[in-house]
């Protein structure tokens, strides 16, 4: 597993997330551990290394 720190797109608090580098490209929704709003997560790996990461707020 790969721990990644980033800012929540809603509350701007720094949070961390465990990512699985065994899948090159993933898209999933995770709730912020601080404000509980849903965040769409887009990690991309190449050879088990994180090459890009997006955390997008979901319009409600």
N, C-alpha and C. Protein backbone atom coordinates (compact mmCIF):
# COMPACT_ATOMS: atom_id res chain seq x y z
N UNK A 1 0.85 -1.19 0.00
CA UNK A 1 0.00 0.00 0.00
C UNK A 1 0.89 1.25 0.00
N UNK A 2 0.32 2.32 -0.46
CA UNK A 2 1.04 3.57 -0.64
C UNK A 2 0.24 4.67 0.06
N UNK A 3 0.83 5.33 1.06
CA UNK A 3 0.13 6.41 1.76
C UNK A 3 0.38 7.73 1.04
N UNK A 4 -0.72 8.44 0.76
CA UNK A 4 -0.62 9.71 0.04
C UNK A 4 -1.36 10.79 0.82
N UNK A 5 -0.71 11.94 1.00
CA UNK A 5 -1.31 13.08 1.70
C UNK A 5 -1.75 14.13 0.68
N UNK A 6 -2.93 14.72 0.92
CA UNK A 6 -3.45 15.75 0.01
C UNK A 6 -4.46 16.60 0.76
N UNK A 7 -4.88 17.70 0.13
CA UNK A 7 -5.88 18.58 0.74
C UNK A 7 -7.26 18.22 0.24
N UNK A 8 -8.21 18.20 1.17
CA UNK A 8 -9.60 17.97 0.81
C UNK A 8 -10.09 19.15 -0.05
N UNK A 9 -10.77 18.89 -1.16
CA UNK A 9 -11.27 19.98 -2.00
C UNK A 9 -12.45 20.75 -1.39
N UNK A 10 -12.96 20.30 -0.26
CA UNK A 10 -14.06 20.99 0.42
C UNK A 10 -13.55 21.83 1.60
N UNK A 11 -12.89 21.17 2.55
CA UNK A 11 -12.51 21.85 3.80
C UNK A 11 -11.04 22.27 3.83
N UNK A 12 -10.26 21.85 2.85
CA UNK A 12 -8.84 22.20 2.69
C UNK A 12 -7.94 21.63 3.78
N UNK A 13 -8.46 20.73 4.60
CA UNK A 13 -7.63 20.06 5.60
C UNK A 13 -6.76 19.01 4.91
N UNK A 14 -5.56 18.82 5.42
CA UNK A 14 -4.70 17.77 4.88
C UNK A 14 -5.18 16.42 5.43
N UNK A 15 -5.38 15.49 4.53
CA UNK A 15 -5.80 14.15 4.91
C UNK A 15 -4.87 13.15 4.20
N UNK A 16 -4.90 11.93 4.65
CA UNK A 16 -4.09 10.90 3.99
C UNK A 16 -5.00 9.76 3.57
N UNK A 17 -4.53 9.02 2.59
CA UNK A 17 -5.28 7.92 2.05
C UNK A 17 -4.30 6.82 1.67
N UNK A 18 -4.68 5.57 1.90
CA UNK A 18 -3.88 4.45 1.45
C UNK A 18 -4.32 4.07 0.04
N UNK A 19 -3.36 4.00 -0.86
CA UNK A 19 -3.63 3.69 -2.26
C UNK A 19 -2.99 2.35 -2.62
N UNK A 20 -3.61 1.64 -3.53
CA UNK A 20 -3.12 0.34 -3.97
C UNK A 20 -2.37 0.50 -5.29
N UNK A 21 -1.04 0.37 -5.30
CA UNK A 21 -0.28 0.56 -6.53
C UNK A 21 -0.33 -0.61 -7.50
N UNK A 22 -1.04 -1.69 -7.15
CA UNK A 22 -1.10 -2.85 -8.04
C UNK A 22 -2.02 -2.63 -9.24
N UNK A 23 -2.86 -1.58 -9.18
CA UNK A 23 -3.75 -1.24 -10.29
C UNK A 23 -3.28 0.10 -10.85
N UNK A 24 -2.95 0.15 -12.14
CA UNK A 24 -2.35 1.36 -12.71
C UNK A 24 -3.23 2.60 -12.65
N UNK A 25 -4.52 2.46 -12.98
CA UNK A 25 -5.42 3.61 -12.95
C UNK A 25 -6.70 3.23 -12.24
N UNK A 26 -7.10 4.09 -11.29
CA UNK A 26 -8.28 3.81 -10.49
C UNK A 26 -9.14 5.07 -10.41
N UNK A 27 -10.43 4.87 -10.24
CA UNK A 27 -11.37 5.96 -9.95
C UNK A 27 -12.34 5.43 -8.90
N UNK A 28 -12.43 6.13 -7.80
CA UNK A 28 -13.38 5.73 -6.77
C UNK A 28 -13.73 6.92 -5.90
N UNK A 29 -14.73 6.76 -5.05
CA UNK A 29 -15.21 7.84 -4.18
C UNK A 29 -14.90 7.46 -2.74
N UNK A 30 -14.33 8.40 -2.02
CA UNK A 30 -13.97 8.23 -0.61
C UNK A 30 -14.46 9.47 0.13
N UNK A 31 -14.98 9.31 1.33
CA UNK A 31 -15.40 10.46 2.12
C UNK A 31 -14.20 11.07 2.85
N UNK A 32 -14.17 12.39 2.94
CA UNK A 32 -13.13 13.10 3.70
C UNK A 32 -13.24 12.67 5.16
N UNK A 33 -12.10 12.37 5.78
CA UNK A 33 -12.12 11.95 7.18
C UNK A 33 -12.38 13.11 8.14
N UNK A 34 -12.34 14.35 7.65
CA UNK A 34 -12.59 15.53 8.49
C UNK A 34 -14.01 16.04 8.32
N UNK A 35 -14.41 16.36 7.08
CA UNK A 35 -15.72 16.98 6.84
C UNK A 35 -16.77 16.00 6.29
N UNK A 36 -16.37 14.79 5.96
CA UNK A 36 -17.26 13.70 5.50
C UNK A 36 -17.87 13.92 4.12
N UNK A 37 -17.42 14.91 3.36
CA UNK A 37 -17.93 15.09 2.00
C UNK A 37 -17.28 14.08 1.06
N UNK A 38 -18.00 13.67 0.00
CA UNK A 38 -17.45 12.68 -0.93
C UNK A 38 -16.42 13.30 -1.88
N UNK A 39 -15.31 12.61 -2.05
CA UNK A 39 -14.23 13.06 -2.93
C UNK A 39 -14.01 11.99 -3.98
N UNK A 40 -13.98 12.39 -5.25
CA UNK A 40 -13.66 11.46 -6.32
C UNK A 40 -12.14 11.40 -6.44
N UNK A 41 -11.58 10.21 -6.30
CA UNK A 41 -10.14 10.00 -6.26
C UNK A 41 -9.68 9.38 -7.58
N UNK A 42 -8.61 9.95 -8.16
CA UNK A 42 -8.05 9.46 -9.42
C UNK A 42 -6.53 9.28 -9.27
N UNK A 43 -6.08 8.15 -8.71
CA UNK A 43 -4.64 7.91 -8.68
C UNK A 43 -4.18 7.15 -9.93
N UNK A 44 -2.98 7.46 -10.38
CA UNK A 44 -2.40 6.75 -11.53
C UNK A 44 -0.98 6.31 -11.14
N UNK A 45 -0.71 5.03 -11.38
CA UNK A 45 0.59 4.45 -11.05
C UNK A 45 1.28 3.95 -12.31
N UNK A 46 2.60 3.99 -12.27
CA UNK A 46 3.41 3.38 -13.31
C UNK A 46 4.55 2.66 -12.61
N UNK A 47 4.66 1.37 -12.85
CA UNK A 47 5.69 0.54 -12.20
C UNK A 47 5.67 0.73 -10.68
N UNK A 48 4.47 0.69 -10.10
CA UNK A 48 4.24 0.78 -8.66
C UNK A 48 4.55 2.16 -8.06
N UNK A 49 4.82 3.16 -8.90
CA UNK A 49 5.08 4.52 -8.43
C UNK A 49 3.92 5.43 -8.80
N UNK A 50 3.50 6.27 -7.87
CA UNK A 50 2.42 7.22 -8.12
C UNK A 50 2.92 8.31 -9.06
N UNK A 51 2.28 8.44 -10.23
CA UNK A 51 2.71 9.46 -11.19
C UNK A 51 1.72 10.62 -11.28
N UNK A 52 0.46 10.41 -10.89
CA UNK A 52 -0.49 11.52 -10.83
C UNK A 52 -1.59 11.19 -9.82
N UNK A 53 -2.19 12.24 -9.28
CA UNK A 53 -3.24 12.08 -8.29
C UNK A 53 -4.16 13.28 -8.37
N UNK A 54 -5.46 13.01 -8.46
CA UNK A 54 -6.47 14.07 -8.45
C UNK A 54 -7.50 13.75 -7.39
N UNK A 55 -7.89 14.76 -6.65
CA UNK A 55 -8.98 14.65 -5.67
C UNK A 55 -10.00 15.72 -6.05
N UNK A 56 -11.17 15.30 -6.51
CA UNK A 56 -12.15 16.20 -7.09
C UNK A 56 -13.42 16.22 -6.24
N UNK A 57 -13.93 17.42 -5.97
CA UNK A 57 -15.19 17.52 -5.25
C UNK A 57 -16.31 17.06 -6.18
N UNK A 58 -17.30 16.41 -5.61
CA UNK A 58 -18.44 15.92 -6.37
C UNK A 58 -19.57 16.92 -6.23
N UNK A 59 -20.01 17.48 -7.34
CA UNK A 59 -21.09 18.47 -7.30
C UNK A 59 -22.36 17.81 -6.79
N UNK A 60 -23.00 18.47 -5.83
CA UNK A 60 -24.21 17.91 -5.26
C UNK A 60 -25.40 18.77 -5.57
